[in-house]
PDB file of all heavy atoms in Angstrom:
ATOM      1  N   VAL A   1       0.886  -1.174   0.000  1.00  0.00           N
ATOM      2  CA  VAL A   1       0.000   0.000   0.000  1.00  0.00           C
ATOM      3  C   VAL A   1       0.919   1.218   0.000  1.00  0.00           C
ATOM      4  O   VAL A   1       1.206   1.804   1.046  1.00  0.00           O
ATOM      5  CB  VAL A   1      -0.936   0.008   1.227  1.00  0.00           C
ATOM      6  CG1 VAL A   1      -1.965   1.127   1.112  1.00  0.00           C
ATOM      7  CG2 VAL A   1      -1.647  -1.337   1.375  1.00  0.00           C
ATOM      8  N   PRO A   2       1.435   1.600  -1.178  1.00  0.00           N
ATOM      9  CA  PRO A   2       2.510   2.588  -1.235  1.00  0.00           C
ATOM     10  C   PRO A   2       2.160   3.944  -0.651  1.00  0.00           C
ATOM     11  O   PRO A   2       3.006   4.587  -0.019  1.00  0.00           O
ATOM     12  CB  PRO A   2       2.819   2.689  -2.740  1.00  0.00           C
ATOM     13  CG  PRO A   2       1.606   2.154  -3.428  1.00  0.00           C
ATOM     14  CD  PRO A   2       1.044   1.125  -2.512  1.00  0.00           C
ATOM     15  N   ASN A   3       0.908   4.379  -0.836  1.00  0.00           N
ATOM     16  CA  ASN A   3       0.549   5.715  -0.351  1.00  0.00           C
ATOM     17  C   ASN A   3       0.296   5.768   1.150  1.00  0.00           C
ATOM     18  O   ASN A   3       0.105   6.841   1.708  1.00  0.00           O
ATOM     19  CB  ASN A   3      -0.675   6.234  -1.117  1.00  0.00           C
ATOM     20  CG  ASN A   3      -0.344   6.569  -2.563  1.00  0.00           C
ATOM     21  OD1 ASN A   3       0.613   7.298  -2.837  1.00  0.00           O
ATOM     22  ND2 ASN A   3      -1.099   6.011  -3.496  1.00  0.00           N
ATOM     23  N   LEU A   4       0.282   4.587   1.811  1.00  0.00           N
ATOM     24  CA  LEU A   4       0.146   4.537   3.264  1.00  0.00           C
ATOM     25  C   LEU A   4       1.378   3.929   3.935  1.00  0.00           C
ATOM     26  O   LEU A   4       1.483   3.910   5.160  1.00  0.00           O
ATOM     27  CB  LEU A   4      -1.097   3.725   3.665  1.00  0.00           C
ATOM     28  CG  LEU A   4      -2.455   4.284   3.224  1.00  0.00           C
ATOM     29  CD1 LEU A   4      -3.581   3.376   3.677  1.00  0.00           C
ATOM     30  CD2 LEU A   4      -2.659   5.692   3.761  1.00  0.00           C
ATOM     31  N   GLY A   5       2.285   3.405   3.117  1.00  0.00           N
ATOM     32  CA  GLY A   5       3.520   2.855   3.666  1.00  0.00           C
ATOM     33  C   GLY A   5       3.371   1.494   4.303  1.00  0.00           C
ATOM     34  O   GLY A   5       4.221   1.092   5.107  1.00  0.00           O
ATOM     35  N   TRP A   6       2.319   0.736   3.950  1.00  0.00           N
ATOM     36  CA  TRP A   6       2.121  -0.605   4.512  1.00  0.00           C
ATOM     37  C   TRP A   6       2.695  -1.642   3.552  1.00  0.00           C
ATOM     38  O   TRP A   6       2.566  -1.526   2.331  1.00  0.00           O
ATOM     39  CB  TRP A   6       0.644  -0.913   4.726  1.00  0.00           C
ATOM     40  CG  TRP A   6      -0.059   0.033   5.648  1.00  0.00           C
ATOM     41  CD1 TRP A   6       0.510   0.941   6.512  1.00  0.00           C
ATOM     42  CD2 TRP A   6      -1.474   0.186   5.797  1.00  0.00           C
ATOM     43  NE1 TRP A   6      -0.455   1.631   7.184  1.00  0.00           N
ATOM     44  CE2 TRP A   6      -1.689   1.194   6.771  1.00  0.00           C
ATOM     45  CE3 TRP A   6      -2.566  -0.434   5.222  1.00  0.00           C
ATOM     46  CZ2 TRP A   6      -2.960   1.600   7.162  1.00  0.00           C
ATOM     47  CZ3 TRP A   6      -3.830  -0.041   5.607  1.00  0.00           C
ATOM     48  CH2 TRP A   6      -4.029   0.966   6.571  1.00  0.00           C
ATOM     49  N   HIS A   7       3.311  -2.673   4.106  1.00  0.00           N
ATOM     50  CA  HIS A   7       3.917  -3.712   3.275  1.00  0.00           C
ATOM     51  C   HIS A   7       3.714  -5.078   3.929  1.00  0.00           C
ATOM     52  O   HIS A   7       4.120  -5.292   5.068  1.00  0.00           O
ATOM     53  CB  HIS A   7       5.421  -3.466   3.086  1.00  0.00           C
ATOM     54  CG  HIS A   7       5.743  -2.159   2.434  1.00  0.00           C
ATOM     55  ND1 HIS A   7       5.728  -1.980   1.067  1.00  0.00           N
ATOM     56  CD2 HIS A   7       6.067  -0.953   2.968  1.00  0.00           C
ATOM     57  CE1 HIS A   7       6.038  -0.723   0.790  1.00  0.00           C
ATOM     58  NE2 HIS A   7       6.246  -0.081   1.922  1.00  0.00           N
ATOM     59  N   HIS A   8       3.043  -5.989   3.212  1.00  0.00           N
ATOM     60  CA  HIS A   8       2.930  -7.398   3.600  1.00  0.00           C
ATOM     61  C   HIS A   8       2.454  -7.568   5.053  1.00  0.00           C
ATOM     62  O   HIS A   8       3.137  -8.146   5.886  1.00  0.00           O
ATOM     63  CB  HIS A   8       4.267  -8.106   3.388  1.00  0.00           C
ATOM     64  CG  HIS A   8       4.809  -7.932   2.005  1.00  0.00           C
ATOM     65  ND1 HIS A   8       4.216  -8.501   0.898  1.00  0.00           N
ATOM     66  CD2 HIS A   8       5.865  -7.216   1.550  1.00  0.00           C
ATOM     67  CE1 HIS A   8       4.897  -8.156  -0.186  1.00  0.00           C
ATOM     68  NE2 HIS A   8       5.895  -7.379   0.176  1.00  0.00           N
ATOM     69  N   GLN A   9       1.282  -7.032   5.323  1.00  0.00           N
ATOM     70  CA  GLN A   9       0.728  -7.112   6.663  1.00  0.00           C
ATOM     71  C   GLN A   9      -0.638  -7.790   6.634  1.00  0.00           C
ATOM     72  O   GLN A   9      -1.441  -7.590   5.721  1.00  0.00           O
ATOM     73  CB  GLN A   9       0.589  -5.715   7.276  1.00  0.00           C
ATOM     74  CG  GLN A   9       1.928  -5.050   7.589  1.00  0.00           C
ATOM     75  CD  GLN A   9       1.739  -3.634   8.093  1.00  0.00           C
ATOM     76  OE1 GLN A   9       1.592  -2.698   7.305  1.00  0.00           O
ATOM     77  NE2 GLN A   9       1.743  -3.462   9.406  1.00  0.00           N
ATOM     78  N   ASP A  10      -0.899  -8.597   7.665  1.00  0.00           N
ATOM     79  CA  ASP A  10      -2.216  -9.195   7.832  1.00  0.00           C
ATOM     80  C   ASP A  10      -3.195  -8.088   8.186  1.00  0.00           C
ATOM     81  O   ASP A  10      -2.869  -7.182   8.960  1.00  0.00           O
ATOM     82  CB  ASP A  10      -2.170 -10.239   8.956  1.00  0.00           C
ATOM     83  CG  ASP A  10      -3.518 -10.932   9.143  1.00  0.00           C
ATOM     84  OD1 ASP A  10      -4.327 -10.923   8.197  1.00  0.00           O
ATOM     85  OD2 ASP A  10      -3.753 -11.476  10.231  1.00  0.00           O
ATOM     86  N   ILE A  11      -4.377  -8.125   7.597  1.00  0.00           N
ATOM     87  CA  ILE A  11      -5.349  -7.082   7.891  1.00  0.00           C
ATOM     88  C   ILE A  11      -6.674  -7.670   8.379  1.00  0.00           C
ATOM     89  O   ILE A  11      -7.342  -7.075   9.222  1.00  0.00           O
ATOM     90  CB  ILE A  11      -5.584  -6.168   6.654  1.00  0.00           C
ATOM     91  CG1 ILE A  11      -6.476  -4.970   7.026  1.00  0.00           C
ATOM     92  CG2 ILE A  11      -6.157  -6.935   5.487  1.00  0.00           C
ATOM     93  CD1 ILE A  11      -6.538  -3.915   5.948  1.00  0.00           C
ATOM     94  N   GLU A  12      -7.037  -8.860   7.881  1.00  0.00           N
ATOM     95  CA  GLU A  12      -8.335  -9.420   8.245  1.00  0.00           C
ATOM     96  C   GLU A  12      -8.437  -9.708   9.744  1.00  0.00           C
ATOM     97  O   GLU A  12      -9.379  -9.255  10.412  1.00  0.00           O
ATOM     98  CB  GLU A  12      -8.604 -10.706   7.469  1.00  0.00           C
ATOM     99  CG  GLU A  12      -9.982 -11.284   7.785  1.00  0.00           C
ATOM    100  CD  GLU A  12     -10.109 -12.744   7.379  1.00  0.00           C
ATOM    101  OE1 GLU A  12      -9.085 -13.417   7.219  1.00  0.00           O
ATOM    102  OE2 GLU A  12     -11.249 -13.204   7.251  1.00  0.00           O
ATOM    103  N   GLN A  13      -7.482 -10.449  10.292  1.00  0.00           N
ATOM    104  CA  GLN A  13      -7.563 -10.835  11.696  1.00  0.00           C
ATOM    105  C   GLN A  13      -7.477  -9.633  12.640  1.00  0.00           C
ATOM    106  O   GLN A  13      -8.292  -9.510  13.564  1.00  0.00           O
ATOM    107  CB  GLN A  13      -6.476 -11.861  12.030  1.00  0.00           C
ATOM    108  CG  GLN A  13      -6.614 -12.479  13.416  1.00  0.00           C
ATOM    109  CD  GLN A  13      -7.942 -13.190  13.625  1.00  0.00           C
ATOM    110  OE1 GLN A  13      -8.483 -13.796  12.693  1.00  0.00           O
ATOM    111  NE2 GLN A  13      -8.491 -13.095  14.834  1.00  0.00           N
ATOM    112  N   PRO A  14      -6.528  -8.701  12.426  1.00  0.00           N
ATOM    113  CA  PRO A  14      -6.497  -7.515  13.298  1.00  0.00           C
ATOM    114  C   PRO A  14      -7.777  -6.689  13.232  1.00  0.00           C
ATOM    115  O   PRO A  14      -8.213  -6.140  14.241  1.00  0.00           O
ATOM    116  CB  PRO A  14      -5.300  -6.722  12.772  1.00  0.00           C
ATOM    117  CG  PRO A  14      -4.426  -7.727  12.115  1.00  0.00           C
ATOM    118  CD  PRO A  14      -5.367  -8.736  11.519  1.00  0.00           C
ATOM    119  N   LEU A  15      -8.396  -6.623  12.044  1.00  0.00           N
ATOM    120  CA  LEU A  15      -9.646  -5.865  11.939  1.00  0.00           C
ATOM    121  C   LEU A  15     -10.769  -6.574  12.682  1.00  0.00           C
ATOM    122  O   LEU A  15     -11.569  -5.929  13.379  1.00  0.00           O
ATOM    123  CB  LEU A  15     -10.021  -5.662  10.470  1.00  0.00           C
ATOM    124  CG  LEU A  15     -11.331  -4.891  10.222  1.00  0.00           C
ATOM    125  CD1 LEU A  15     -11.322  -3.535  10.930  1.00  0.00           C
ATOM    126  CD2 LEU A  15     -11.568  -4.710   8.728  1.00  0.00           C
ATOM    127  N   CYS A  16     -10.837  -7.897  12.569  1.00  0.00           N
ATOM    128  CA  CYS A  16     -11.847  -8.647  13.320  1.00  0.00           C
ATOM    129  C   CYS A  16     -11.685  -8.435  14.824  1.00  0.00           C
ATOM    130  O   CYS A  16     -12.666  -8.258  15.559  1.00  0.00           O
ATOM    131  CB  CYS A  16     -11.763 -10.133  12.985  1.00  0.00           C
ATOM    132  SG  CYS A  16     -12.373 -10.563  11.346  1.00  0.00           S
ATOM    133  N   GLU A  17     -10.446  -8.429  15.282  1.00  0.00           N
ATOM    134  CA  GLU A  17     -10.184  -8.212  16.709  1.00  0.00           C
ATOM    135  C   GLU A  17     -10.564  -6.797  17.126  1.00  0.00           C
ATOM    136  O   GLU A  17     -11.129  -6.584  18.209  1.00  0.00           O
ATOM    137  CB  GLU A  17      -8.704  -8.479  17.005  1.00  0.00           C
ATOM    138  CG  GLU A  17      -8.321  -9.952  16.860  1.00  0.00           C
ATOM    139  CD  GLU A  17      -6.835 -10.189  16.939  1.00  0.00           C
ATOM    140  OE1 GLU A  17      -6.080  -9.194  17.080  1.00  0.00           O
ATOM    141  OE2 GLU A  17      -6.401 -11.360  16.870  1.00  0.00           O
ATOM    142  N   ALA A  18     -10.256  -5.818  16.274  1.00  0.00           N
ATOM    143  CA  ALA A  18     -10.635  -4.434  16.578  1.00  0.00           C
ATOM    144  C   ALA A  18     -12.149  -4.280  16.638  1.00  0.00           C
ATOM    145  O   ALA A  18     -12.685  -3.550  17.482  1.00  0.00           O
ATOM    146  CB  ALA A  18     -10.040  -3.487  15.530  1.00  0.00           C
ATOM    147  N   LEU A  19     -12.854  -4.978  15.748  1.00  0.00           N
ATOM    148  CA  LEU A  19     -14.316  -4.928  15.751  1.00  0.00           C
ATOM    149  C   LEU A  19     -14.898  -5.571  17.002  1.00  0.00           C
ATOM    150  O   LEU A  19     -15.858  -5.056  17.595  1.00  0.00           O
ATOM    151  CB  LEU A  19     -14.866  -5.618  14.495  1.00  0.00           C
ATOM    152  CG  LEU A  19     -14.676  -4.864  13.178  1.00  0.00           C
ATOM    153  CD1 LEU A  19     -15.026  -5.745  11.993  1.00  0.00           C
ATOM    154  CD2 LEU A  19     -15.514  -3.588  13.150  1.00  0.00           C
ATOM    155  N   LYS A  20     -14.319  -6.676  17.429  1.00  0.00           N
ATOM    156  CA  LYS A  20     -14.796  -7.329  18.650  1.00  0.00           C
ATOM    157  C   LYS A  20     -14.638  -6.423  19.863  1.00  0.00           C
ATOM    158  O   LYS A  20     -15.483  -6.400  20.758  1.00  0.00           O
ATOM    159  CB  LYS A  20     -14.039  -8.639  18.865  1.00  0.00           C
ATOM    160  CG  LYS A  20     -14.441  -9.750  17.915  1.00  0.00           C
ATOM    161  CD  LYS A  20     -13.628 -11.012  18.164  1.00  0.00           C
ATOM    162  CE  LYS A  20     -13.988 -12.107  17.171  1.00  0.00           C
ATOM    163  NZ  LYS A  20     -13.165 -13.319  17.367  1.00  0.00           N
ATOM    164  N   ARG A  21     -13.542  -5.665  19.887  1.00  0.00           N
ATOM    165  CA  ARG A  21     -13.308  -4.762  21.034  1.00  0.00           C
ATOM    166  C   ARG A  21     -14.375  -3.687  21.140  1.00  0.00           C
ATOM    167  O   ARG A  21     -14.619  -3.147  22.222  1.00  0.00           O
ATOM    168  CB  ARG A  21     -11.921  -4.117  20.917  1.00  0.00           C
ATOM    169  CG  ARG A  21     -10.767  -5.084  21.191  1.00  0.00           C
ATOM    170  CD  ARG A  21      -9.467  -4.339  21.433  1.00  0.00           C
ATOM    171  NE  ARG A  21      -9.000  -3.626  20.254  1.00  0.00           N
ATOM    172  CZ  ARG A  21      -8.194  -4.143  19.334  1.00  0.00           C
ATOM    173  NH1 ARG A  21      -7.776  -5.401  19.451  1.00  0.00           N
ATOM    174  NH2 ARG A  21      -7.806  -3.431  18.301  1.00  0.00           N
ATOM    175  N   VAL A  22     -15.011  -3.347  20.005  1.00  0.00           N
ATOM    176  CA  VAL A  22     -16.064  -2.316  20.051  1.00  0.00           C
ATOM    177  C   VAL A  22     -17.451  -2.944  19.920  1.00  0.00           C
ATOM    178  O   VAL A  22     -18.432  -2.252  19.624  1.00  0.00           O
ATOM    179  CB  VAL A  22     -15.843  -1.240  18.957  1.00  0.00           C
ATOM    180  CG1 VAL A  22     -14.609  -0.416  19.276  1.00  0.00           C
ATOM    181  CG2 VAL A  22     -15.732  -1.862  17.567  1.00  0.00           C
ATOM    182  N   GLY A  23     -17.534  -4.262  20.119  1.00  0.00           N
ATOM    183  CA  GLY A  23     -18.841  -4.916  20.199  1.00  0.00           C
ATOM    184  C   GLY A  23     -19.433  -5.416  18.906  1.00  0.00           C
ATOM    185  O   GLY A  23     -20.608  -5.793  18.865  1.00  0.00           O
ATOM    186  N   VAL A  24     -18.645  -5.447  17.830  1.00  0.00           N
ATOM    187  CA  VAL A  24     -19.137  -5.965  16.554  1.00  0.00           C
ATOM    188  C   VAL A  24     -18.599  -7.370  16.379  1.00  0.00           C
ATOM    189  O   VAL A  24     -17.380  -7.573  16.320  1.00  0.00           O
ATOM    190  CB  VAL A  24     -18.698  -5.080  15.368  1.00  0.00           C
ATOM    191  CG1 VAL A  24     -19.220  -5.652  14.052  1.00  0.00           C
ATOM    192  CG2 VAL A  24     -19.197  -3.653  15.552  1.00  0.00           C
ATOM    193  N   ARG A  25     -19.486  -8.354  16.274  1.00  0.00           N
ATOM    194  CA  ARG A  25     -19.071  -9.754  16.252  1.00  0.00           C
ATOM    195  C   ARG A  25     -19.026 -10.348  14.851  1.00  0.00           C
ATOM    196  O   ARG A  25     -18.797 -11.537  14.700  1.00  0.00           O
ATOM    197  CB  ARG A  25     -20.019 -10.584  17.119  1.00  0.00           C
ATOM    198  CG  ARG A  25     -20.025 -10.146  18.580  1.00  0.00           C
ATOM    199  CD  ARG A  25     -18.700 -10.463  19.265  1.00  0.00           C
ATOM    200  NE  ARG A  25     -18.618  -9.919  20.613  1.00  0.00           N
ATOM    201  CZ  ARG A  25     -17.578 -10.078  21.409  1.00  0.00           C
ATOM    202  NH1 ARG A  25     -16.527 -10.738  20.981  1.00  0.00           N
ATOM    203  NH2 ARG A  25     -17.570  -9.548  22.619  1.00  0.00           N
ATOM    204  N   GLN A  26     -19.272  -9.546  13.840  1.00  0.00           N
ATOM    205  CA  GLN A  26     -19.303 -10.053  12.469  1.00  0.00           C
ATOM    206  C   GLN A  26     -17.936 -10.581  12.060  1.00  0.00           C
ATOM    207  O   GLN A  26     -16.926  -9.882  12.154  1.00  0.00           O
ATOM    208  CB  GLN A  26     -19.716  -8.937  11.504  1.00  0.00           C
ATOM    209  CG  GLN A  26     -19.973  -9.396  10.093  1.00  0.00           C
ATOM    210  CD  GLN A  26     -21.274 -10.156   9.974  1.00  0.00           C
ATOM    211  OE1 GLN A  26     -22.271  -9.762  10.535  1.00  0.00           O
ATOM    212  NE2 GLN A  26     -21.252 -11.249   9.235  1.00  0.00           N
ATOM    213  N   SER A  27     -17.883 -11.824  11.579  1.00  0.00           N
ATOM    214  CA  SER A  27     -16.617 -12.418  11.178  1.00  0.00           C
ATOM    215  C   SER A  27     -16.907 -13.577  10.223  1.00  0.00           C
ATOM    216  O   SER A  27     -17.904 -14.281  10.392  1.00  0.00           O
ATOM    217  CB  SER A  27     -15.859 -12.928  12.409  1.00  0.00           C
ATOM    218  OG  SER A  27     -14.596 -13.452  12.053  1.00  0.00           O
ATOM    219  N   PRO A  28     -16.092 -13.818   9.187  1.00  0.00           N
ATOM    220  CA  PRO A  28     -14.902 -13.044   8.841  1.00  0.00           C
ATOM    221  C   PRO A  28     -15.268 -11.742   8.131  1.00  0.00           C
ATOM    222  O   PRO A  28     -16.425 -11.555   7.719  1.00  0.00           O
ATOM    223  CB  PRO A  28     -14.154 -13.993   7.898  1.00  0.00           C
ATOM    224  CG  PRO A  28     -15.257 -14.765   7.234  1.00  0.00           C
ATOM    225  CD  PRO A  28     -16.306 -14.955   8.292  1.00  0.00           C
ATOM    226  N   VAL A  29     -14.295 -10.881   7.992  1.00  0.00           N
ATOM    227  CA  VAL A  29     -14.458  -9.630   7.261  1.00  0.00           C
ATOM    228  C   VAL A  29     -13.691  -9.759   5.952  1.00  0.00           C
ATOM    229  O   VAL A  29     -12.529 -10.154   5.947  1.00  0.00           O
ATOM    230  CB  VAL A  29     -13.914  -8.439   8.076  1.00  0.00           C
ATOM    231  CG1 VAL A  29     -13.979  -7.169   7.250  1.00  0.00           C
ATOM    232  CG2 VAL A  29     -14.699  -8.281   9.372  1.00  0.00           C
TER     233      VAL A  29
END
């Protein structure tokens, strides 16, 4: 993601965990 400086990072699992912390249980994303 050149314009954000991200390289080869997992995104699905961290986003699911972030959603759970705010009460959203939808998974997978």
